[in-house]
Amino acid sequence: MSLSGCAPDAVRSGQAAGFNAYLREVGQACRPLLIGSADVGEWIRLNAMGNDDYTYFVDVTSKLYYNRLDAAGYRQAVVGFFGAGSSNERSFDCIFRHLPPDRPSAPVGTY
């Protein structure tokens, strides 16, 4: 899975190995990963980087992963973009539960 060129915090796949692993883990562990009417889990599975909605999800999720956005801000940003949905709470709980406690503040080799 290569996320190069999509999210500011995941500019180079090699530098964002931890984030990429987290994203894959969330895609597997949180099935179905539904936010609003979007099947984000399917986008992760397909690495749907040509999809602007998925690119937004990767960008905002990288900010959560790199401690640049807290859980409340993440939830607000994602729901503001994708809308409300009956699966949102379950999906957010799973996304937050899988965050590594010792995650970095930036990809390796960046500031």
N, C-alpha and C. Protein backbone atom coordinates (compact mmCIF):
# COMPACT_ATOMS: atom_id res chain seq x y z
N MET A 1 0.85 -1.17 0.00
CA MET A 1 0.00 0.00 0.00
C MET A 1 0.89 1.22 0.00
N SER A 2 0.74 2.07 -0.94
CA SER A 2 1.52 3.29 -1.02
C SER A 2 0.59 4.48 -0.91
N LEU A 3 0.89 5.36 0.02
CA LEU A 3 0.06 6.54 0.22
C LEU A 3 0.78 7.80 -0.19
N SER A 4 1.78 7.67 -1.01
CA SER A 4 2.58 8.84 -1.37
C SER A 4 1.77 9.90 -2.08
N GLY A 5 2.02 11.13 -1.69
CA GLY A 5 1.42 12.27 -2.37
C GLY A 5 0.00 12.58 -1.97
N CYS A 6 -0.54 11.97 -0.93
CA CYS A 6 -1.94 12.20 -0.62
C CYS A 6 -2.11 13.07 0.60
N ALA A 7 -1.62 12.65 1.71
CA ALA A 7 -1.80 13.39 2.95
C ALA A 7 -0.50 14.08 3.32
N PRO A 8 -0.58 15.29 3.83
CA PRO A 8 0.64 16.00 4.20
C PRO A 8 1.50 15.20 5.17
N ASP A 9 0.88 14.45 6.08
CA ASP A 9 1.64 13.71 7.07
C ASP A 9 2.08 12.35 6.56
N ALA A 10 1.62 11.96 5.40
CA ALA A 10 1.99 10.66 4.84
C ALA A 10 2.59 10.86 3.46
N VAL A 11 3.50 11.83 3.36
CA VAL A 11 4.03 12.22 2.07
C VAL A 11 4.78 11.08 1.40
N ARG A 12 5.59 10.39 2.13
CA ARG A 12 6.35 9.29 1.55
C ARG A 12 6.03 8.02 2.31
N SER A 13 5.67 7.01 1.59
CA SER A 13 5.27 5.76 2.21
C SER A 13 6.34 5.22 3.16
N GLY A 14 7.60 5.31 2.78
CA GLY A 14 8.67 4.82 3.63
C GLY A 14 8.76 5.56 4.95
N GLN A 15 8.47 6.83 4.93
CA GLN A 15 8.51 7.64 6.15
C GLN A 15 7.26 7.43 6.99
N ALA A 16 6.18 7.02 6.39
CA ALA A 16 4.91 6.89 7.08
C ALA A 16 4.55 5.43 7.32
N ALA A 17 5.54 4.59 7.52
CA ALA A 17 5.29 3.15 7.68
C ALA A 17 4.35 2.86 8.85
N GLY A 18 4.51 3.55 9.96
CA GLY A 18 3.64 3.34 11.12
C GLY A 18 2.20 3.73 10.81
N PHE A 19 2.03 4.87 10.18
CA PHE A 19 0.68 5.31 9.81
C PHE A 19 0.05 4.35 8.81
N ASN A 20 0.82 3.94 7.81
CA ASN A 20 0.29 3.01 6.81
C ASN A 20 -0.15 1.71 7.46
N ALA A 21 0.63 1.20 8.41
CA ALA A 21 0.27 -0.02 9.12
C ALA A 21 -1.00 0.20 9.94
N TYR A 22 -1.10 1.35 10.59
CA TYR A 22 -2.30 1.68 11.36
C TYR A 22 -3.53 1.71 10.46
N LEU A 23 -3.42 2.34 9.32
CA LEU A 23 -4.54 2.44 8.40
C LEU A 23 -4.99 1.05 7.93
N ARG A 24 -4.03 0.21 7.59
CA ARG A 24 -4.37 -1.17 7.19
C ARG A 24 -5.05 -1.92 8.33
N GLU A 25 -4.52 -1.74 9.55
CA GLU A 25 -5.10 -2.41 10.72
C GLU A 25 -6.55 -1.98 10.93
N VAL A 26 -6.79 -0.67 10.87
CA VAL A 26 -8.15 -0.15 11.04
C VAL A 26 -9.07 -0.70 9.95
N GLY A 27 -8.57 -0.76 8.72
CA GLY A 27 -9.37 -1.29 7.62
C GLY A 27 -9.79 -2.73 7.84
N GLN A 28 -8.93 -3.51 8.48
CA GLN A 28 -9.23 -4.92 8.76
C GLN A 28 -10.07 -5.08 10.03
N ALA A 29 -9.62 -4.46 11.11
CA ALA A 29 -10.23 -4.68 12.42
C ALA A 29 -11.59 -4.03 12.59
N CYS A 30 -11.85 -2.98 11.85
CA CYS A 30 -13.07 -2.20 12.06
C CYS A 30 -14.16 -2.50 11.04
N ARG A 31 -14.06 -3.59 10.32
CA ARG A 31 -15.06 -3.94 9.31
C ARG A 31 -16.43 -4.11 9.91
N PRO A 32 -17.45 -3.65 9.30
CA PRO A 32 -17.42 -2.67 8.22
C PRO A 32 -17.12 -1.29 8.80
N LEU A 33 -16.23 -0.56 8.18
CA LEU A 33 -15.85 0.78 8.62
C LEU A 33 -16.69 1.76 7.82
N LEU A 34 -17.83 2.12 8.39
CA LEU A 34 -18.80 2.98 7.72
C LEU A 34 -18.89 4.31 8.45
N ILE A 35 -18.75 5.39 7.71
CA ILE A 35 -18.90 6.74 8.27
C ILE A 35 -19.82 7.50 7.34
N GLY A 36 -20.90 8.03 7.89
CA GLY A 36 -21.93 8.62 7.04
C GLY A 36 -22.42 7.53 6.11
N SER A 37 -22.46 7.81 4.84
CA SER A 37 -22.86 6.78 3.87
C SER A 37 -21.65 6.16 3.17
N ALA A 38 -20.44 6.49 3.64
CA ALA A 38 -19.21 6.03 3.00
C ALA A 38 -18.72 4.72 3.61
N ASP A 39 -18.31 3.80 2.76
CA ASP A 39 -17.68 2.55 3.19
C ASP A 39 -16.17 2.77 3.15
N VAL A 40 -15.66 3.40 4.18
CA VAL A 40 -14.25 3.76 4.25
C VAL A 40 -13.38 2.50 4.28
N GLY A 41 -13.86 1.45 4.90
CA GLY A 41 -13.10 0.20 4.94
C GLY A 41 -12.84 -0.36 3.55
N GLU A 42 -13.80 -0.23 2.67
CA GLU A 42 -13.61 -0.69 1.29
C GLU A 42 -12.59 0.19 0.58
N TRP A 43 -12.61 1.49 0.83
CA TRP A 43 -11.61 2.38 0.24
C TRP A 43 -10.21 2.00 0.68
N ILE A 44 -10.07 1.67 1.98
CA ILE A 44 -8.77 1.26 2.49
C ILE A 44 -8.33 -0.01 1.78
N ARG A 45 -9.24 -0.96 1.66
CA ARG A 45 -8.92 -2.23 1.01
C ARG A 45 -8.45 -2.02 -0.43
N LEU A 46 -9.10 -1.09 -1.13
CA LEU A 46 -8.78 -0.82 -2.52
C LEU A 46 -7.66 0.20 -2.71
N ASN A 47 -7.22 0.83 -1.61
CA ASN A 47 -6.27 1.94 -1.67
C ASN A 47 -6.75 2.95 -2.71
N ALA A 48 -7.95 3.45 -2.49
CA ALA A 48 -8.69 4.27 -3.46
C ALA A 48 -8.20 5.72 -3.50
N MET A 49 -6.92 5.92 -3.72
CA MET A 49 -6.36 7.27 -3.66
C MET A 49 -6.85 8.20 -4.76
N GLY A 50 -7.48 7.71 -5.80
CA GLY A 50 -8.07 8.58 -6.81
C GLY A 50 -9.40 9.17 -6.35
N ASN A 51 -9.90 8.71 -5.22
CA ASN A 51 -11.16 9.15 -4.67
C ASN A 51 -10.89 10.31 -3.71
N ASP A 52 -11.37 11.50 -4.02
CA ASP A 52 -11.11 12.67 -3.19
C ASP A 52 -11.64 12.51 -1.76
N ASP A 53 -12.75 11.80 -1.61
CA ASP A 53 -13.29 11.58 -0.27
C ASP A 53 -12.34 10.71 0.56
N TYR A 54 -11.76 9.69 -0.06
CA TYR A 54 -10.80 8.85 0.63
C TYR A 54 -9.53 9.63 0.94
N THR A 55 -9.09 10.44 0.02
CA THR A 55 -7.91 11.27 0.26
C THR A 55 -8.12 12.16 1.49
N TYR A 56 -9.32 12.73 1.61
CA TYR A 56 -9.64 13.54 2.79
C TYR A 56 -9.57 12.68 4.05
N PHE A 57 -10.16 11.48 4.00
CA PHE A 57 -10.14 10.60 5.16
C PHE A 57 -8.70 10.28 5.57
N VAL A 58 -7.85 9.96 4.62
CA VAL A 58 -6.45 9.65 4.91
C VAL A 58 -5.76 10.88 5.52
N ASP A 59 -6.02 12.04 4.98
CA ASP A 59 -5.40 13.26 5.49
C ASP A 59 -5.79 13.52 6.94
N VAL A 60 -7.07 13.51 7.23
CA VAL A 60 -7.52 13.83 8.59
C VAL A 60 -7.14 12.71 9.56
N THR A 61 -7.12 11.46 9.10
CA THR A 61 -6.73 10.35 9.96
C THR A 61 -5.23 10.41 10.25
N SER A 62 -4.44 10.88 9.31
CA SER A 62 -3.01 11.05 9.57
C SER A 62 -2.80 12.12 10.65
N LYS A 63 -3.61 13.15 10.63
CA LYS A 63 -3.50 14.19 11.66
C LYS A 63 -3.85 13.63 13.04
N LEU A 64 -4.84 12.76 13.10
CA LEU A 64 -5.17 12.08 14.36
C LEU A 64 -4.00 11.21 14.79
N TYR A 65 -3.49 10.41 13.87
CA TYR A 65 -2.40 9.49 14.18
C TYR A 65 -1.16 10.23 14.69
N TYR A 66 -0.82 11.34 14.06
CA TYR A 66 0.37 12.09 14.44
C TYR A 66 0.11 13.14 15.52
N ASN A 67 -0.96 12.97 16.26
CA ASN A 67 -1.27 13.83 17.41
C ASN A 67 -1.45 15.30 17.05
N ARG A 68 -1.88 15.57 15.84
CA ARG A 68 -2.12 16.95 15.42
C ARG A 68 -3.59 17.30 15.50
N LEU A 69 -4.40 16.30 15.84
CA LEU A 69 -5.84 16.46 15.99
C LEU A 69 -6.27 15.50 17.08
N ASP A 70 -7.04 15.99 18.06
CA ASP A 70 -7.52 15.10 19.11
C ASP A 70 -8.79 14.38 18.65
N ALA A 71 -9.27 13.46 19.48
CA ALA A 71 -10.42 12.63 19.10
C ALA A 71 -11.66 13.47 18.80
N ALA A 72 -11.92 14.48 19.61
CA ALA A 72 -13.10 15.33 19.38
C ALA A 72 -12.98 16.11 18.07
N GLY A 73 -11.81 16.66 17.81
CA GLY A 73 -11.59 17.39 16.57
C GLY A 73 -11.67 16.48 15.35
N TYR A 74 -11.16 15.26 15.50
CA TYR A 74 -11.22 14.27 14.42
C TYR A 74 -12.68 13.94 14.11
N ARG A 75 -13.41 13.62 15.14
CA ARG A 75 -14.82 13.26 14.98
C ARG A 75 -15.58 14.40 14.29
N GLN A 76 -15.34 15.63 14.72
CA GLN A 76 -16.02 16.79 14.13
C GLN A 76 -15.64 16.95 12.66
N ALA A 77 -14.36 16.81 12.34
CA ALA A 77 -13.91 16.97 10.95
C ALA A 77 -14.50 15.89 10.05
N VAL A 78 -14.50 14.66 10.51
CA VAL A 78 -14.97 13.55 9.69
C VAL A 78 -16.49 13.61 9.51
N VAL A 79 -17.22 13.84 10.60
CA VAL A 79 -18.68 13.92 10.48
C VAL A 79 -19.07 15.14 9.67
N GLY A 80 -18.35 16.25 9.83
CA GLY A 80 -18.63 17.44 9.04
C GLY A 80 -18.46 17.20 7.54
N PHE A 81 -17.57 16.29 7.18
CA PHE A 81 -17.32 16.00 5.78
C PHE A 81 -18.22 14.88 5.25
N PHE A 82 -18.32 13.78 6.01
CA PHE A 82 -19.07 12.60 5.54
C PHE A 82 -20.52 12.57 6.00
N GLY A 83 -20.85 13.31 7.05
CA GLY A 83 -22.22 13.33 7.54
C GLY A 83 -22.47 12.30 8.63
N ALA A 84 -23.64 12.41 9.20
CA ALA A 84 -24.06 11.51 10.27
C ALA A 84 -24.38 10.14 9.68
N GLY A 85 -24.30 9.15 10.52
CA GLY A 85 -24.64 7.79 10.09
C GLY A 85 -24.81 6.90 11.30
N SER A 86 -25.59 5.86 11.15
CA SER A 86 -25.88 4.97 12.28
C SER A 86 -24.65 4.17 12.72
N SER A 87 -23.66 4.04 11.88
CA SER A 87 -22.45 3.28 12.23
C SER A 87 -21.30 4.17 12.69
N ASN A 88 -21.49 5.48 12.70
CA ASN A 88 -20.39 6.39 13.03
C ASN A 88 -19.75 6.09 14.38
N GLU A 89 -20.56 5.96 15.42
CA GLU A 89 -19.99 5.78 16.76
C GLU A 89 -19.17 4.50 16.85
N ARG A 90 -19.67 3.42 16.29
CA ARG A 90 -18.94 2.16 16.31
C ARG A 90 -17.62 2.31 15.55
N SER A 91 -17.67 2.97 14.42
CA SER A 91 -16.47 3.16 13.60
C SER A 91 -15.45 4.03 14.34
N PHE A 92 -15.89 5.14 14.92
CA PHE A 92 -14.97 6.00 15.66
C PHE A 92 -14.37 5.27 16.85
N ASP A 93 -15.19 4.54 17.59
CA ASP A 93 -14.67 3.79 18.74
C ASP A 93 -13.56 2.85 18.31
N CYS A 94 -13.74 2.17 17.19
CA CYS A 94 -12.74 1.24 16.70
C CYS A 94 -11.48 1.98 16.23
N ILE A 95 -11.65 3.07 15.51
CA ILE A 95 -10.51 3.86 15.05
C ILE A 95 -9.67 4.32 16.24
N PHE A 96 -10.33 4.85 17.27
CA PHE A 96 -9.62 5.35 18.45
C PHE A 96 -8.98 4.21 19.24
N ARG A 97 -9.67 3.10 19.36
CA ARG A 97 -9.17 1.95 20.13
C ARG A 97 -7.87 1.40 19.53
N HIS A 98 -7.69 1.51 18.23
CA HIS A 98 -6.51 0.96 17.58
C HIS A 98 -5.34 1.94 17.46
N LEU A 99 -5.53 3.16 17.92
CA LEU A 99 -4.41 4.11 17.91
C LEU A 99 -3.30 3.62 18.83
N PRO A 100 -2.08 3.56 18.34
CA PRO A 100 -0.98 3.16 19.23
C PRO A 100 -0.73 4.25 20.27
N PRO A 101 -0.53 3.88 21.52
CA PRO A 101 -0.32 4.89 22.57
C PRO A 101 0.97 5.68 22.40
N ASP A 102 1.95 5.10 21.72
CA ASP A 102 3.26 5.73 21.58
C ASP A 102 3.50 6.25 20.16
N ARG A 103 2.44 6.66 19.50
CA ARG A 103 2.59 7.10 18.11
C ARG A 103 3.39 8.40 18.03
N PRO A 104 4.08 8.60 16.93
CA PRO A 104 4.96 9.76 16.78
C PRO A 104 4.16 11.03 16.47
N SER A 105 4.85 12.16 16.51
CA SER A 105 4.21 13.43 16.18
C SER A 105 4.43 13.80 14.72
N ALA A 106 5.22 13.02 13.99
CA ALA A 106 5.48 13.25 12.56
C ALA A 106 6.09 11.98 11.97
N PRO A 107 5.99 11.81 10.67
CA PRO A 107 6.66 10.66 10.04
C PRO A 107 8.17 10.74 10.23
N VAL A 108 8.82 9.61 10.19
CA VAL A 108 10.27 9.54 10.32
C VAL A 108 10.91 10.43 9.24
N GLY A 109 11.87 11.22 9.66
CA GLY A 109 12.60 12.06 8.72
C GLY A 109 11.94 13.39 8.41
N THR A 110 10.85 13.72 9.08
CA THR A 110 10.20 15.01 8.87
C THR A 110 10.15 15.76 10.19
N TYR A 111 9.71 16.99 10.13
CA TYR A 111 9.67 17.81 11.35
C TYR A 111 8.26 18.16 11.70
